[in-house]
Amino acid sequence: MKTKTYKHGKYTYKAYIKPAGNGFEVGFLFSGKPLFVGNFLYAKEANAWYTEMKKQVSHFTKKYWVTPQSPRSFYNKFITQHLYKHYYSFLDKYFAKYNRDYVREFNKHEKKYKQLKKNWYPQDQVSFKTAA
């Protein structure tokens, strides 16, 4: 588990990445309470988001600074929405890549299937059954 701690007056924020089940969890906590949690299947993607999230937190705190007397609940909701906005745009990049890869692979296999099908006879057709 990797963590990075941020201090704002008497308040503590913490970014973390840790294994969770078969994947990874990346999160951002305020005094132990989660403000943001994202799940990933692959370590490479989780580490990439963790790095991006730390950059976004630094950028956000410089651009939208507050005083120790500012309403903490408002600021926490604000930073949460900021992180989720960037999280989903980050995922969109990966989903577009996956979509291209899987469409390309499917088309390649479909082309091979059509070539193989030319040598098959309709009476030999077998389909899936719902019962075991």
N, C-alpha and C. Protein backbone atom coordinates (compact mmCIF):
# COMPACT_ATOMS: atom_id res chain seq x y z
N MET A 1 0.85 -1.18 0.00
CA MET A 1 0.00 0.00 0.00
C MET A 1 0.89 1.24 0.00
N LYS A 2 0.60 2.15 -0.92
CA LYS A 2 1.30 3.43 -0.99
C LYS A 2 0.36 4.52 -0.52
N THR A 3 0.89 5.49 0.20
CA THR A 3 0.07 6.60 0.67
C THR A 3 0.82 7.92 0.52
N LYS A 4 0.05 8.98 0.45
CA LYS A 4 0.60 10.33 0.48
C LYS A 4 -0.33 11.15 1.35
N THR A 5 0.24 11.82 2.33
CA THR A 5 -0.54 12.59 3.30
C THR A 5 -0.45 14.07 2.98
N TYR A 6 -1.60 14.74 3.09
CA TYR A 6 -1.69 16.19 2.88
C TYR A 6 -2.23 16.80 4.17
N LYS A 7 -1.67 17.91 4.59
CA LYS A 7 -2.14 18.61 5.78
C LYS A 7 -2.72 19.95 5.37
N HIS A 8 -3.84 20.29 5.98
CA HIS A 8 -4.45 21.60 5.78
C HIS A 8 -4.91 22.08 7.14
N GLY A 9 -4.03 22.89 7.77
CA GLY A 9 -4.33 23.32 9.13
C GLY A 9 -4.31 22.11 10.05
N LYS A 10 -5.40 21.91 10.79
CA LYS A 10 -5.49 20.77 11.69
C LYS A 10 -6.08 19.53 11.01
N TYR A 11 -6.43 19.65 9.73
CA TYR A 11 -7.06 18.55 9.01
C TYR A 11 -6.03 17.75 8.20
N THR A 12 -6.30 16.47 8.08
CA THR A 12 -5.41 15.57 7.35
C THR A 12 -6.17 14.90 6.21
N TYR A 13 -5.58 14.93 5.03
CA TYR A 13 -6.09 14.23 3.87
C TYR A 13 -5.06 13.18 3.48
N LYS A 14 -5.53 12.07 2.92
CA LYS A 14 -4.59 11.01 2.56
C LYS A 14 -5.02 10.36 1.24
N ALA A 15 -4.07 10.27 0.32
CA ALA A 15 -4.27 9.54 -0.94
C ALA A 15 -3.63 8.17 -0.76
N TYR A 16 -4.27 7.13 -1.29
CA TYR A 16 -3.71 5.79 -1.13
C TYR A 16 -4.01 4.92 -2.35
N ILE A 17 -3.22 3.86 -2.48
CA ILE A 17 -3.45 2.80 -3.46
C ILE A 17 -3.14 1.50 -2.75
N LYS A 18 -4.05 0.52 -2.86
CA LYS A 18 -3.84 -0.76 -2.19
C LYS A 18 -4.52 -1.88 -2.98
N PRO A 19 -4.02 -3.11 -2.82
CA PRO A 19 -4.69 -4.25 -3.45
C PRO A 19 -6.05 -4.47 -2.79
N ALA A 20 -7.02 -4.84 -3.62
CA ALA A 20 -8.37 -5.11 -3.12
C ALA A 20 -8.95 -6.26 -3.93
N GLY A 21 -9.07 -7.42 -3.32
CA GLY A 21 -9.58 -8.58 -4.05
C GLY A 21 -8.63 -8.95 -5.18
N ASN A 22 -9.18 -9.05 -6.39
CA ASN A 22 -8.37 -9.35 -7.57
C ASN A 22 -7.88 -8.10 -8.27
N GLY A 23 -8.15 -6.94 -7.71
CA GLY A 23 -7.78 -5.68 -8.36
C GLY A 23 -7.08 -4.74 -7.39
N PHE A 24 -7.32 -3.45 -7.63
CA PHE A 24 -6.67 -2.43 -6.84
C PHE A 24 -7.67 -1.32 -6.53
N GLU A 25 -7.48 -0.70 -5.38
CA GLU A 25 -8.34 0.39 -4.96
C GLU A 25 -7.47 1.63 -4.78
N VAL A 26 -7.94 2.73 -5.34
CA VAL A 26 -7.27 4.02 -5.20
C VAL A 26 -8.28 4.96 -4.54
N GLY A 27 -7.84 5.64 -3.48
CA GLY A 27 -8.78 6.47 -2.77
C GLY A 27 -8.17 7.73 -2.20
N PHE A 28 -9.06 8.58 -1.70
CA PHE A 28 -8.68 9.84 -1.09
C PHE A 28 -9.52 10.00 0.17
N LEU A 29 -8.87 10.14 1.31
CA LEU A 29 -9.55 10.19 2.60
C LEU A 29 -9.41 11.55 3.27
N PHE A 30 -10.43 11.90 4.04
CA PHE A 30 -10.38 13.08 4.90
C PHE A 30 -10.58 12.61 6.33
N SER A 31 -9.57 12.72 7.15
CA SER A 31 -9.61 12.27 8.54
C SER A 31 -10.16 10.84 8.65
N GLY A 32 -9.73 9.97 7.75
CA GLY A 32 -10.15 8.57 7.77
C GLY A 32 -11.45 8.28 7.06
N LYS A 33 -12.17 9.30 6.60
CA LYS A 33 -13.44 9.10 5.89
C LYS A 33 -13.21 9.23 4.39
N PRO A 34 -13.74 8.28 3.60
CA PRO A 34 -13.48 8.33 2.15
C PRO A 34 -14.21 9.49 1.46
N LEU A 35 -13.46 10.23 0.67
CA LEU A 35 -14.03 11.26 -0.20
C LEU A 35 -14.12 10.74 -1.63
N PHE A 36 -13.17 9.88 -1.99
CA PHE A 36 -13.13 9.33 -3.34
C PHE A 36 -12.59 7.91 -3.26
N VAL A 37 -13.20 6.98 -4.04
CA VAL A 37 -12.69 5.62 -4.16
C VAL A 37 -12.88 5.17 -5.60
N GLY A 38 -11.81 4.66 -6.21
CA GLY A 38 -11.87 4.12 -7.56
C GLY A 38 -11.27 2.73 -7.58
N ASN A 39 -11.84 1.84 -8.38
CA ASN A 39 -11.36 0.46 -8.46
C ASN A 39 -10.82 0.16 -9.85
N PHE A 40 -9.77 -0.63 -9.88
CA PHE A 40 -9.11 -0.99 -11.13
C PHE A 40 -8.78 -2.48 -11.13
N LEU A 41 -8.74 -3.07 -12.32
CA LEU A 41 -8.35 -4.47 -12.44
C LEU A 41 -6.84 -4.63 -12.57
N TYR A 42 -6.20 -3.66 -13.20
CA TYR A 42 -4.78 -3.78 -13.50
C TYR A 42 -3.96 -2.77 -12.72
N ALA A 43 -2.78 -3.23 -12.24
CA ALA A 43 -1.90 -2.37 -11.45
C ALA A 43 -1.40 -1.18 -12.25
N LYS A 44 -1.14 -1.39 -13.53
CA LYS A 44 -0.63 -0.30 -14.37
C LYS A 44 -1.62 0.87 -14.42
N GLU A 45 -2.89 0.55 -14.61
CA GLU A 45 -3.92 1.60 -14.65
C GLU A 45 -4.11 2.25 -13.28
N ALA A 46 -4.09 1.44 -12.23
CA ALA A 46 -4.27 1.97 -10.88
C ALA A 46 -3.13 2.92 -10.53
N ASN A 47 -1.90 2.54 -10.87
CA ASN A 47 -0.76 3.42 -10.60
C ASN A 47 -0.82 4.69 -11.43
N ALA A 48 -1.27 4.57 -12.68
CA ALA A 48 -1.39 5.75 -13.53
C ALA A 48 -2.42 6.71 -12.95
N TRP A 49 -3.57 6.19 -12.48
CA TRP A 49 -4.58 7.06 -11.89
C TRP A 49 -4.09 7.64 -10.56
N TYR A 50 -3.39 6.85 -9.75
CA TYR A 50 -2.86 7.34 -8.47
C TYR A 50 -1.94 8.53 -8.70
N THR A 51 -1.08 8.43 -9.70
CA THR A 51 -0.19 9.53 -10.05
C THR A 51 -0.98 10.74 -10.52
N GLU A 52 -1.96 10.50 -11.38
CA GLU A 52 -2.81 11.59 -11.89
C GLU A 52 -3.62 12.22 -10.75
N MET A 53 -4.13 11.40 -9.85
CA MET A 53 -4.93 11.92 -8.75
C MET A 53 -4.10 12.83 -7.85
N LYS A 54 -2.86 12.44 -7.57
CA LYS A 54 -1.99 13.30 -6.75
C LYS A 54 -1.74 14.64 -7.44
N LYS A 55 -1.57 14.62 -8.77
CA LYS A 55 -1.39 15.88 -9.51
C LYS A 55 -2.65 16.73 -9.42
N GLN A 56 -3.81 16.08 -9.55
CA GLN A 56 -5.08 16.81 -9.50
C GLN A 56 -5.32 17.42 -8.12
N VAL A 57 -4.97 16.71 -7.07
CA VAL A 57 -5.13 17.25 -5.72
C VAL A 57 -4.25 18.48 -5.55
N SER A 58 -3.00 18.38 -5.99
CA SER A 58 -2.09 19.53 -5.88
C SER A 58 -2.60 20.72 -6.69
N HIS A 59 -3.05 20.45 -7.91
CA HIS A 59 -3.59 21.51 -8.76
C HIS A 59 -4.83 22.14 -8.13
N PHE A 60 -5.72 21.30 -7.63
CA PHE A 60 -6.97 21.79 -7.04
C PHE A 60 -6.69 22.67 -5.82
N THR A 61 -5.80 22.22 -4.94
CA THR A 61 -5.54 22.98 -3.72
C THR A 61 -4.84 24.31 -3.98
N LYS A 62 -4.09 24.38 -5.08
CA LYS A 62 -3.45 25.65 -5.43
C LYS A 62 -4.46 26.62 -6.07
N LYS A 63 -5.34 26.05 -6.90
CA LYS A 63 -6.31 26.90 -7.61
C LYS A 63 -7.48 27.31 -6.71
N TYR A 64 -7.97 26.39 -5.90
CA TYR A 64 -9.13 26.64 -5.04
C TYR A 64 -8.70 26.56 -3.57
N TRP A 65 -7.93 27.52 -3.14
CA TRP A 65 -7.44 27.53 -1.77
C TRP A 65 -8.53 28.01 -0.83
N VAL A 66 -8.43 27.60 0.41
CA VAL A 66 -9.38 28.02 1.44
C VAL A 66 -8.63 28.37 2.71
N THR A 67 -9.33 28.99 3.63
CA THR A 67 -8.75 29.31 4.94
C THR A 67 -9.17 28.22 5.93
N PRO A 68 -8.51 28.14 7.06
CA PRO A 68 -8.93 27.15 8.07
C PRO A 68 -10.36 27.37 8.57
N GLN A 69 -10.90 28.58 8.41
CA GLN A 69 -12.27 28.86 8.86
C GLN A 69 -13.31 28.55 7.78
N SER A 70 -12.89 28.18 6.58
CA SER A 70 -13.83 27.88 5.49
C SER A 70 -14.66 26.64 5.84
N PRO A 71 -15.89 26.58 5.29
CA PRO A 71 -16.73 25.40 5.57
C PRO A 71 -16.10 24.12 5.01
N ARG A 72 -15.71 23.24 5.89
CA ARG A 72 -14.99 22.02 5.51
C ARG A 72 -15.86 21.09 4.67
N SER A 73 -17.14 20.95 4.99
CA SER A 73 -18.01 20.03 4.25
C SER A 73 -18.16 20.48 2.80
N PHE A 74 -18.29 21.80 2.57
CA PHE A 74 -18.38 22.30 1.20
C PHE A 74 -17.10 21.99 0.44
N TYR A 75 -15.96 22.28 1.04
CA TYR A 75 -14.66 22.06 0.37
C TYR A 75 -14.45 20.58 0.07
N ASN A 76 -14.85 19.70 1.00
CA ASN A 76 -14.70 18.25 0.76
C ASN A 76 -15.57 17.78 -0.39
N LYS A 77 -16.79 18.29 -0.47
CA LYS A 77 -17.66 17.92 -1.60
C LYS A 77 -17.11 18.46 -2.91
N PHE A 78 -16.56 19.65 -2.84
CA PHE A 78 -15.98 20.28 -4.03
C PHE A 78 -14.80 19.46 -4.56
N ILE A 79 -13.88 19.07 -3.69
CA ILE A 79 -12.72 18.29 -4.14
C ILE A 79 -13.15 16.89 -4.59
N THR A 80 -14.16 16.33 -3.94
CA THR A 80 -14.68 15.02 -4.35
C THR A 80 -15.21 15.08 -5.78
N GLN A 81 -16.01 16.09 -6.09
CA GLN A 81 -16.55 16.22 -7.45
C GLN A 81 -15.45 16.46 -8.46
N HIS A 82 -14.44 17.21 -8.08
CA HIS A 82 -13.30 17.45 -8.96
C HIS A 82 -12.59 16.13 -9.28
N LEU A 83 -12.34 15.32 -8.26
CA LEU A 83 -11.65 14.05 -8.47
C LEU A 83 -12.48 13.10 -9.33
N TYR A 84 -13.78 13.01 -9.06
CA TYR A 84 -14.62 12.12 -9.88
C TYR A 84 -14.70 12.60 -11.32
N LYS A 85 -14.74 13.89 -11.54
CA LYS A 85 -14.76 14.42 -12.92
C LYS A 85 -13.52 13.96 -13.68
N HIS A 86 -12.36 14.09 -13.06
CA HIS A 86 -11.12 13.69 -13.72
C HIS A 86 -10.97 12.17 -13.78
N TYR A 87 -11.50 11.47 -12.81
CA TYR A 87 -11.47 10.00 -12.80
C TYR A 87 -12.22 9.44 -14.02
N TYR A 88 -13.42 9.95 -14.27
CA TYR A 88 -14.20 9.43 -15.39
C TYR A 88 -13.62 9.86 -16.74
N SER A 89 -13.02 11.01 -16.82
CA SER A 89 -12.35 11.37 -18.08
C SER A 89 -11.11 10.50 -18.28
N PHE A 90 -10.43 10.15 -17.20
CA PHE A 90 -9.30 9.23 -17.25
C PHE A 90 -9.76 7.86 -17.76
N LEU A 91 -10.88 7.36 -17.22
CA LEU A 91 -11.40 6.06 -17.64
C LEU A 91 -11.85 6.07 -19.09
N ASP A 92 -12.42 7.18 -19.55
CA ASP A 92 -12.87 7.28 -20.94
C ASP A 92 -11.72 7.01 -21.91
N LYS A 93 -10.53 7.48 -21.58
CA LYS A 93 -9.38 7.24 -22.44
C LYS A 93 -9.07 5.75 -22.54
N TYR A 94 -9.12 5.07 -21.40
CA TYR A 94 -8.84 3.63 -21.39
C TYR A 94 -9.96 2.85 -22.06
N PHE A 95 -11.22 3.24 -21.84
CA PHE A 95 -12.34 2.52 -22.45
C PHE A 95 -12.31 2.65 -23.97
N ALA A 96 -11.96 3.81 -24.48
CA ALA A 96 -11.85 3.98 -25.93
C ALA A 96 -10.76 3.07 -26.48
N LYS A 97 -9.65 2.97 -25.78
CA LYS A 97 -8.56 2.09 -26.20
C LYS A 97 -9.02 0.63 -26.19
N TYR A 98 -9.68 0.22 -25.10
CA TYR A 98 -10.16 -1.16 -25.02
C TYR A 98 -11.17 -1.46 -26.11
N ASN A 99 -12.06 -0.51 -26.38
CA ASN A 99 -13.06 -0.71 -27.41
C ASN A 99 -12.39 -0.94 -28.76
N ARG A 100 -11.40 -0.12 -29.10
CA ARG A 100 -10.67 -0.31 -30.36
C ARG A 100 -10.01 -1.68 -30.41
N ASP A 101 -9.35 -2.06 -29.33
CA ASP A 101 -8.64 -3.34 -29.30
C ASP A 101 -9.59 -4.52 -29.47
N TYR A 102 -10.70 -4.52 -28.73
CA TYR A 102 -11.61 -5.64 -28.79
C TYR A 102 -12.38 -5.70 -30.10
N VAL A 103 -12.72 -4.57 -30.66
CA VAL A 103 -13.39 -4.56 -31.97
C VAL A 103 -12.45 -5.11 -33.03
N ARG A 104 -11.20 -4.68 -32.99
CA ARG A 104 -10.20 -5.16 -33.95
C ARG A 104 -10.02 -6.68 -33.82
N GLU A 105 -9.89 -7.17 -32.60
CA GLU A 105 -9.70 -8.60 -32.38
C GLU A 105 -10.95 -9.40 -32.79
N PHE A 106 -12.14 -8.88 -32.48
CA PHE A 106 -13.36 -9.57 -32.88
C PHE A 106 -13.45 -9.66 -34.39
N ASN A 107 -13.17 -8.57 -35.08
CA ASN A 107 -13.23 -8.58 -36.55
C ASN A 107 -12.24 -9.57 -37.14
N LYS A 108 -11.07 -9.66 -36.54
CA LYS A 108 -10.07 -10.62 -37.01
C LYS A 108 -10.59 -12.06 -36.84
N HIS A 109 -11.19 -12.35 -35.70
CA HIS A 109 -11.71 -13.69 -35.45
C HIS A 109 -12.94 -13.98 -36.31
N GLU A 110 -13.76 -12.98 -36.53
CA GLU A 110 -14.94 -13.17 -37.38
C GLU A 110 -14.53 -13.51 -38.81
N LYS A 111 -13.51 -12.86 -39.30
CA LYS A 111 -13.00 -13.14 -40.64
C LYS A 111 -12.50 -14.59 -40.72
N LYS A 112 -11.77 -15.04 -39.71
CA LYS A 112 -11.27 -16.42 -39.66
C LYS A 112 -12.44 -17.40 -39.58
N TYR A 113 -13.47 -17.08 -38.79
CA TYR A 113 -14.66 -17.93 -38.67
C TYR A 113 -15.34 -18.11 -40.02
N LYS A 114 -15.48 -17.02 -40.75
CA LYS A 114 -16.14 -17.11 -42.07
C LYS A 114 -15.34 -17.98 -43.03
N GLN A 115 -14.03 -17.95 -42.95
CA GLN A 115 -13.21 -18.82 -43.79
C GLN A 115 -13.40 -20.28 -43.39
N LEU A 116 -13.42 -20.56 -42.11
CA LEU A 116 -13.60 -21.93 -41.64
C LEU A 116 -14.99 -22.45 -41.96
N LYS A 117 -15.99 -21.59 -41.86
CA LYS A 117 -17.39 -21.98 -42.06
C LYS A 117 -17.64 -22.51 -43.47
N LYS A 118 -16.86 -22.09 -44.43
CA LYS A 118 -17.04 -22.56 -45.82
C LYS A 118 -16.90 -24.07 -45.93
N ASN A 119 -16.13 -24.68 -45.04
CA ASN A 119 -15.89 -26.12 -45.08
C ASN A 119 -16.78 -26.91 -44.14
N TRP A 120 -17.74 -26.29 -43.52
CA TRP A 120 -18.61 -26.97 -42.57
C TRP A 120 -19.95 -27.28 -43.23
N TYR A 121 -20.62 -28.32 -42.72
CA TYR A 121 -21.93 -28.73 -43.25
C TYR A 121 -23.02 -28.31 -42.27
N PRO A 122 -24.15 -27.81 -42.78
CA PRO A 122 -25.22 -27.34 -41.89
C PRO A 122 -25.75 -28.43 -40.94
N GLN A 123 -25.78 -29.68 -41.37
CA GLN A 123 -26.31 -30.74 -40.51
C GLN A 123 -25.39 -31.04 -39.31
N ASP A 124 -24.16 -30.58 -39.34
CA ASP A 124 -23.22 -30.78 -38.23
C ASP A 124 -23.30 -29.68 -37.18
N GLN A 125 -24.21 -28.74 -37.38
CA GLN A 125 -24.31 -27.58 -36.49
C GLN A 125 -24.70 -28.00 -35.07
N VAL A 126 -23.99 -27.48 -34.09
CA VAL A 126 -24.28 -27.71 -32.68
C VAL A 126 -24.32 -26.36 -32.01
N SER A 127 -25.35 -26.15 -31.15
CA SER A 127 -25.45 -24.86 -30.45
C SER A 127 -25.36 -25.09 -28.95
N PHE A 128 -25.21 -24.02 -28.21
CA PHE A 128 -25.15 -24.11 -26.75
C PHE A 128 -26.52 -24.51 -26.21
N LYS A 129 -26.51 -25.28 -25.13
CA LYS A 129 -27.75 -25.64 -24.44
C LYS A 129 -27.73 -24.99 -23.07
N THR A 130 -28.91 -24.65 -22.57
CA THR A 130 -28.98 -23.99 -21.28
C THR A 130 -28.81 -24.97 -20.13
N ALA A 131 -29.12 -26.24 -20.33
CA ALA A 131 -28.98 -27.25 -19.27
C ALA A 131 -27.59 -27.87 -19.33
N ALA A 132 -27.10 -28.26 -18.17
CA ALA A 132 -25.77 -28.89 -18.12
C ALA A 132 -25.84 -30.35 -18.45
